[in-house]
Amino acid sequence: MTAEFAVALPAVALVLAACLAAVQLVGVQVRLSDAAADAARALGRGESVGVAAGIAERVGGAERLDSRADGDFVCVTLARSGGVLLAAVRLQAESCALAGGR
């Protein structure tokens, strides 16, 4: 092993770890967006906020659910942390659905 390889190996490992962390964050964000859409549709059907929060927690691991009525729409905002190693990163997703179930 050469000295150049020994110096470059930690840098390559750091870049690879950063790329894997970014991919994990994107996956969590996609699940959170899906959970926001599911929770908004549940509230639009007339389900309770507790049922919608259960859906959001089960589908996307949401830690906080905020909902609001906006005319003919019901909007949901979900938030959660980025995960074990990226707990300092806060992710948020919002979705709206027609309030046809009321």
N, C-alpha and C. Protein backbone atom coordinates (compact mmCIF):
# COMPACT_ATOMS: atom_id res chain seq x y z
N MET A 1 0.84 -1.18 0.00
CA MET A 1 0.00 0.00 0.00
C MET A 1 0.88 1.24 0.00
N THR A 2 0.54 2.18 -0.85
CA THR A 2 1.33 3.40 -0.93
C THR A 2 0.80 4.43 0.05
N ALA A 3 1.60 5.43 0.32
CA ALA A 3 1.20 6.49 1.24
C ALA A 3 0.03 7.30 0.69
N GLU A 4 0.02 7.47 -0.62
CA GLU A 4 -1.08 8.23 -1.24
C GLU A 4 -2.41 7.52 -1.04
N PHE A 5 -2.40 6.20 -1.20
CA PHE A 5 -3.62 5.42 -1.00
C PHE A 5 -4.07 5.49 0.45
N ALA A 6 -3.13 5.42 1.38
CA ALA A 6 -3.46 5.48 2.80
C ALA A 6 -4.04 6.83 3.18
N VAL A 7 -3.62 7.88 2.53
CA VAL A 7 -4.16 9.22 2.81
C VAL A 7 -5.52 9.39 2.14
N ALA A 8 -5.70 8.84 0.95
CA ALA A 8 -6.95 9.03 0.21
C ALA A 8 -8.08 8.15 0.72
N LEU A 9 -7.78 7.01 1.31
CA LEU A 9 -8.81 6.08 1.74
C LEU A 9 -9.81 6.68 2.74
N PRO A 10 -9.37 7.39 3.78
CA PRO A 10 -10.36 8.00 4.69
C PRO A 10 -11.25 9.04 4.00
N ALA A 11 -10.70 9.79 3.06
CA ALA A 11 -11.51 10.77 2.33
C ALA A 11 -12.58 10.08 1.49
N VAL A 12 -12.22 8.99 0.85
CA VAL A 12 -13.18 8.23 0.05
C VAL A 12 -14.27 7.65 0.95
N ALA A 13 -13.87 7.13 2.09
CA ALA A 13 -14.85 6.58 3.04
C ALA A 13 -15.80 7.66 3.55
N LEU A 14 -15.30 8.85 3.78
CA LEU A 14 -16.13 9.96 4.25
C LEU A 14 -17.14 10.38 3.18
N VAL A 15 -16.70 10.47 1.94
CA VAL A 15 -17.60 10.82 0.85
C VAL A 15 -18.66 9.75 0.66
N LEU A 16 -18.29 8.49 0.76
CA LEU A 16 -19.25 7.40 0.64
C LEU A 16 -20.28 7.44 1.77
N ALA A 17 -19.83 7.71 2.98
CA ALA A 17 -20.77 7.81 4.12
C ALA A 17 -21.73 8.98 3.93
N ALA A 18 -21.24 10.10 3.43
CA ALA A 18 -22.11 11.25 3.19
C ALA A 18 -23.15 10.94 2.12
N CYS A 19 -22.75 10.23 1.07
CA CYS A 19 -23.69 9.85 0.01
C CYS A 19 -24.76 8.90 0.54
N LEU A 20 -24.37 7.94 1.34
CA LEU A 20 -25.34 7.01 1.92
C LEU A 20 -26.30 7.73 2.86
N ALA A 21 -25.81 8.69 3.64
CA ALA A 21 -26.69 9.46 4.53
C ALA A 21 -27.68 10.28 3.72
N ALA A 22 -27.25 10.85 2.61
CA ALA A 22 -28.15 11.62 1.75
C ALA A 22 -29.24 10.74 1.16
N VAL A 23 -28.88 9.55 0.74
CA VAL A 23 -29.87 8.62 0.20
C VAL A 23 -30.88 8.23 1.28
N GLN A 24 -30.41 8.02 2.51
CA GLN A 24 -31.32 7.69 3.60
C GLN A 24 -32.28 8.84 3.87
N LEU A 25 -31.79 10.08 3.87
CA LEU A 25 -32.66 11.23 4.08
C LEU A 25 -33.72 11.36 2.99
N VAL A 26 -33.35 11.11 1.77
CA VAL A 26 -34.32 11.18 0.67
C VAL A 26 -35.40 10.11 0.85
N GLY A 27 -35.01 8.92 1.25
CA GLY A 27 -35.99 7.86 1.48
C GLY A 27 -36.96 8.21 2.60
N VAL A 28 -36.45 8.79 3.67
CA VAL A 28 -37.31 9.19 4.79
C VAL A 28 -38.25 10.31 4.35
N GLN A 29 -37.74 11.26 3.54
CA GLN A 29 -38.59 12.35 3.06
C GLN A 29 -39.71 11.83 2.17
N VAL A 30 -39.43 10.87 1.32
CA VAL A 30 -40.46 10.30 0.45
C VAL A 30 -41.53 9.60 1.28
N ARG A 31 -41.11 8.81 2.28
CA ARG A 31 -42.09 8.16 3.15
C ARG A 31 -42.93 9.18 3.92
N LEU A 32 -42.31 10.28 4.35
CA LEU A 32 -43.04 11.31 5.06
C LEU A 32 -44.04 12.00 4.15
N SER A 33 -43.68 12.23 2.90
CA SER A 33 -44.62 12.83 1.93
C SER A 33 -45.80 11.89 1.67
N ASP A 34 -45.54 10.61 1.53
CA ASP A 34 -46.63 9.64 1.36
C ASP A 34 -47.54 9.61 2.58
N ALA A 35 -46.95 9.68 3.76
CA ALA A 35 -47.73 9.66 4.99
C ALA A 35 -48.60 10.91 5.10
N ALA A 36 -48.08 12.07 4.69
CA ALA A 36 -48.87 13.30 4.72
C ALA A 36 -50.07 13.19 3.78
N ALA A 37 -49.87 12.62 2.60
CA ALA A 37 -50.98 12.45 1.66
C ALA A 37 -52.02 11.49 2.22
N ASP A 38 -51.57 10.39 2.82
CA ASP A 38 -52.51 9.43 3.41
C ASP A 38 -53.30 10.05 4.56
N ALA A 39 -52.63 10.80 5.41
CA ALA A 39 -53.31 11.43 6.55
C ALA A 39 -54.29 12.50 6.07
N ALA A 40 -53.92 13.27 5.05
CA ALA A 40 -54.83 14.28 4.51
C ALA A 40 -56.07 13.63 3.91
N ARG A 41 -55.89 12.53 3.19
CA ARG A 41 -57.06 11.84 2.63
C ARG A 41 -57.95 11.28 3.73
N ALA A 42 -57.35 10.78 4.80
CA ALA A 42 -58.16 10.26 5.92
C ALA A 42 -58.97 11.37 6.56
N LEU A 43 -58.35 12.52 6.77
CA LEU A 43 -59.10 13.65 7.34
C LEU A 43 -60.16 14.14 6.37
N GLY A 44 -59.87 14.10 5.08
CA GLY A 44 -60.85 14.50 4.07
C GLY A 44 -62.07 13.59 4.05
N ARG A 45 -61.86 12.31 4.40
CA ARG A 45 -62.98 11.36 4.47
C ARG A 45 -63.80 11.52 5.74
N GLY A 46 -63.30 12.33 6.68
CA GLY A 46 -64.03 12.54 7.92
C GLY A 46 -63.49 11.77 9.11
N GLU A 47 -62.34 11.13 8.97
CA GLU A 47 -61.74 10.41 10.09
C GLU A 47 -61.26 11.42 11.14
N SER A 48 -61.03 10.94 12.35
CA SER A 48 -60.55 11.82 13.42
C SER A 48 -59.07 12.12 13.26
N VAL A 49 -58.61 13.13 13.97
CA VAL A 49 -57.19 13.49 13.93
C VAL A 49 -56.35 12.36 14.52
N GLY A 50 -56.87 11.64 15.50
CA GLY A 50 -56.15 10.51 16.08
C GLY A 50 -55.91 9.40 15.08
N VAL A 51 -56.91 9.12 14.27
CA VAL A 51 -56.75 8.09 13.22
C VAL A 51 -55.72 8.55 12.20
N ALA A 52 -55.80 9.83 11.79
CA ALA A 52 -54.84 10.36 10.83
C ALA A 52 -53.43 10.35 11.40
N ALA A 53 -53.28 10.67 12.68
CA ALA A 53 -51.96 10.64 13.32
C ALA A 53 -51.41 9.22 13.37
N GLY A 54 -52.28 8.24 13.59
CA GLY A 54 -51.86 6.84 13.58
C GLY A 54 -51.38 6.41 12.21
N ILE A 55 -52.09 6.84 11.18
CA ILE A 55 -51.67 6.54 9.81
C ILE A 55 -50.32 7.18 9.52
N ALA A 56 -50.17 8.43 9.91
CA ALA A 56 -48.92 9.16 9.65
C ALA A 56 -47.74 8.52 10.38
N GLU A 57 -47.97 8.06 11.59
CA GLU A 57 -46.89 7.43 12.35
C GLU A 57 -46.52 6.07 11.77
N ARG A 58 -47.54 5.32 11.34
CA ARG A 58 -47.30 3.98 10.80
C ARG A 58 -46.63 4.04 9.42
N VAL A 59 -47.06 4.94 8.57
CA VAL A 59 -46.54 5.00 7.21
C VAL A 59 -45.20 5.73 7.15
N GLY A 60 -45.10 6.87 7.83
CA GLY A 60 -43.89 7.69 7.69
C GLY A 60 -43.11 7.93 8.94
N GLY A 61 -43.56 7.38 10.06
CA GLY A 61 -42.84 7.61 11.31
C GLY A 61 -42.93 9.04 11.79
N ALA A 62 -44.03 9.72 11.45
CA ALA A 62 -44.17 11.13 11.80
C ALA A 62 -44.22 11.31 13.31
N GLU A 63 -43.53 12.33 13.78
CA GLU A 63 -43.51 12.65 15.19
C GLU A 63 -44.50 13.74 15.54
N ARG A 64 -44.86 14.57 14.57
CA ARG A 64 -45.80 15.67 14.82
C ARG A 64 -46.74 15.81 13.62
N LEU A 65 -48.03 16.00 13.90
CA LEU A 65 -49.03 16.21 12.86
C LEU A 65 -49.77 17.49 13.17
N ASP A 66 -49.82 18.40 12.21
CA ASP A 66 -50.62 19.62 12.29
C ASP A 66 -51.60 19.59 11.14
N SER A 67 -52.87 19.87 11.43
CA SER A 67 -53.88 19.88 10.37
C SER A 67 -54.63 21.20 10.40
N ARG A 68 -55.14 21.58 9.23
CA ARG A 68 -55.94 22.80 9.15
C ARG A 68 -56.92 22.66 7.99
N ALA A 69 -58.05 23.30 8.15
CA ALA A 69 -59.05 23.35 7.08
C ALA A 69 -58.80 24.61 6.27
N ASP A 70 -58.76 24.47 4.96
CA ASP A 70 -58.47 25.58 4.06
C ASP A 70 -59.52 25.59 2.96
N GLY A 71 -60.69 26.13 3.27
CA GLY A 71 -61.79 26.14 2.31
C GLY A 71 -62.32 24.73 2.11
N ASP A 72 -62.27 24.25 0.88
CA ASP A 72 -62.74 22.90 0.55
C ASP A 72 -61.67 21.84 0.78
N PHE A 73 -60.53 22.24 1.28
CA PHE A 73 -59.42 21.32 1.46
C PHE A 73 -59.07 21.13 2.93
N VAL A 74 -58.52 19.98 3.24
CA VAL A 74 -57.93 19.69 4.55
C VAL A 74 -56.44 19.49 4.29
N CYS A 75 -55.62 20.25 5.00
CA CYS A 75 -54.17 20.17 4.80
C CYS A 75 -53.50 19.61 6.05
N VAL A 76 -52.49 18.81 5.83
CA VAL A 76 -51.74 18.15 6.90
C VAL A 76 -50.26 18.47 6.73
N THR A 77 -49.61 18.82 7.83
CA THR A 77 -48.17 19.02 7.84
C THR A 77 -47.58 18.03 8.84
N LEU A 78 -46.61 17.24 8.38
CA LEU A 78 -45.94 16.26 9.23
C LEU A 78 -44.49 16.65 9.40
N ALA A 79 -43.93 16.29 10.56
CA ALA A 79 -42.51 16.55 10.82
C ALA A 79 -41.92 15.37 11.57
N ARG A 80 -40.64 15.15 11.34
CA ARG A 80 -39.90 14.11 12.05
C ARG A 80 -38.41 14.38 11.90
N SER A 81 -37.62 13.67 12.69
CA SER A 81 -36.17 13.81 12.59
C SER A 81 -35.65 12.95 11.45
N GLY A 82 -34.39 13.18 11.08
CA GLY A 82 -33.79 12.49 9.95
C GLY A 82 -33.44 11.04 10.20
N GLY A 83 -33.39 10.61 11.42
CA GLY A 83 -33.04 9.23 11.72
C GLY A 83 -32.03 9.16 12.85
N VAL A 84 -31.48 8.01 13.06
CA VAL A 84 -30.59 7.78 14.20
C VAL A 84 -29.32 8.64 14.10
N LEU A 85 -28.62 8.52 13.00
CA LEU A 85 -27.37 9.26 12.86
C LEU A 85 -27.58 10.71 12.47
N LEU A 86 -28.70 11.02 11.87
CA LEU A 86 -28.99 12.38 11.42
C LEU A 86 -30.18 12.96 12.18
N ALA A 87 -30.20 12.76 13.48
CA ALA A 87 -31.33 13.20 14.30
C ALA A 87 -31.46 14.72 14.34
N ALA A 88 -30.40 15.44 14.10
CA ALA A 88 -30.46 16.90 14.13
C ALA A 88 -31.17 17.47 12.91
N VAL A 89 -31.30 16.69 11.86
CA VAL A 89 -31.96 17.15 10.64
C VAL A 89 -33.47 16.97 10.81
N ARG A 90 -34.24 18.04 10.65
CA ARG A 90 -35.70 17.98 10.75
C ARG A 90 -36.28 17.95 9.34
N LEU A 91 -37.14 16.98 9.09
CA LEU A 91 -37.81 16.86 7.80
C LEU A 91 -39.27 17.23 7.96
N GLN A 92 -39.85 17.79 6.91
CA GLN A 92 -41.24 18.23 6.95
C GLN A 92 -41.89 17.96 5.60
N ALA A 93 -43.17 17.57 5.64
CA ALA A 93 -43.92 17.34 4.41
C ALA A 93 -45.34 17.85 4.61
N GLU A 94 -45.92 18.37 3.56
CA GLU A 94 -47.29 18.89 3.62
C GLU A 94 -48.09 18.35 2.44
N SER A 95 -49.37 18.05 2.69
CA SER A 95 -50.25 17.58 1.64
C SER A 95 -51.67 18.03 1.95
N CYS A 96 -52.46 18.24 0.92
CA CYS A 96 -53.86 18.64 1.08
C CYS A 96 -54.76 17.67 0.30
N ALA A 97 -55.99 17.53 0.78
CA ALA A 97 -56.98 16.69 0.13
C ALA A 97 -58.34 17.37 0.22
N LEU A 98 -59.22 17.03 -0.72
CA LEU A 98 -60.57 17.56 -0.69
C LEU A 98 -61.30 17.06 0.54
N ALA A 99 -62.03 17.93 1.18
CA ALA A 99 -62.79 17.57 2.37
C ALA A 99 -64.17 17.11 1.95
N GLY A 100 -64.25 16.01 1.23
CA GLY A 100 -65.51 15.52 0.71
C GLY A 100 -66.27 14.62 1.65
N GLY A 101 -65.64 14.18 2.74
CA GLY A 101 -66.29 13.26 3.64
C GLY A 101 -67.14 13.92 4.71
N ARG A 102 -67.17 15.23 4.73
CA ARG A 102 -67.92 15.95 5.77
C ARG A 102 -69.31 16.28 5.35
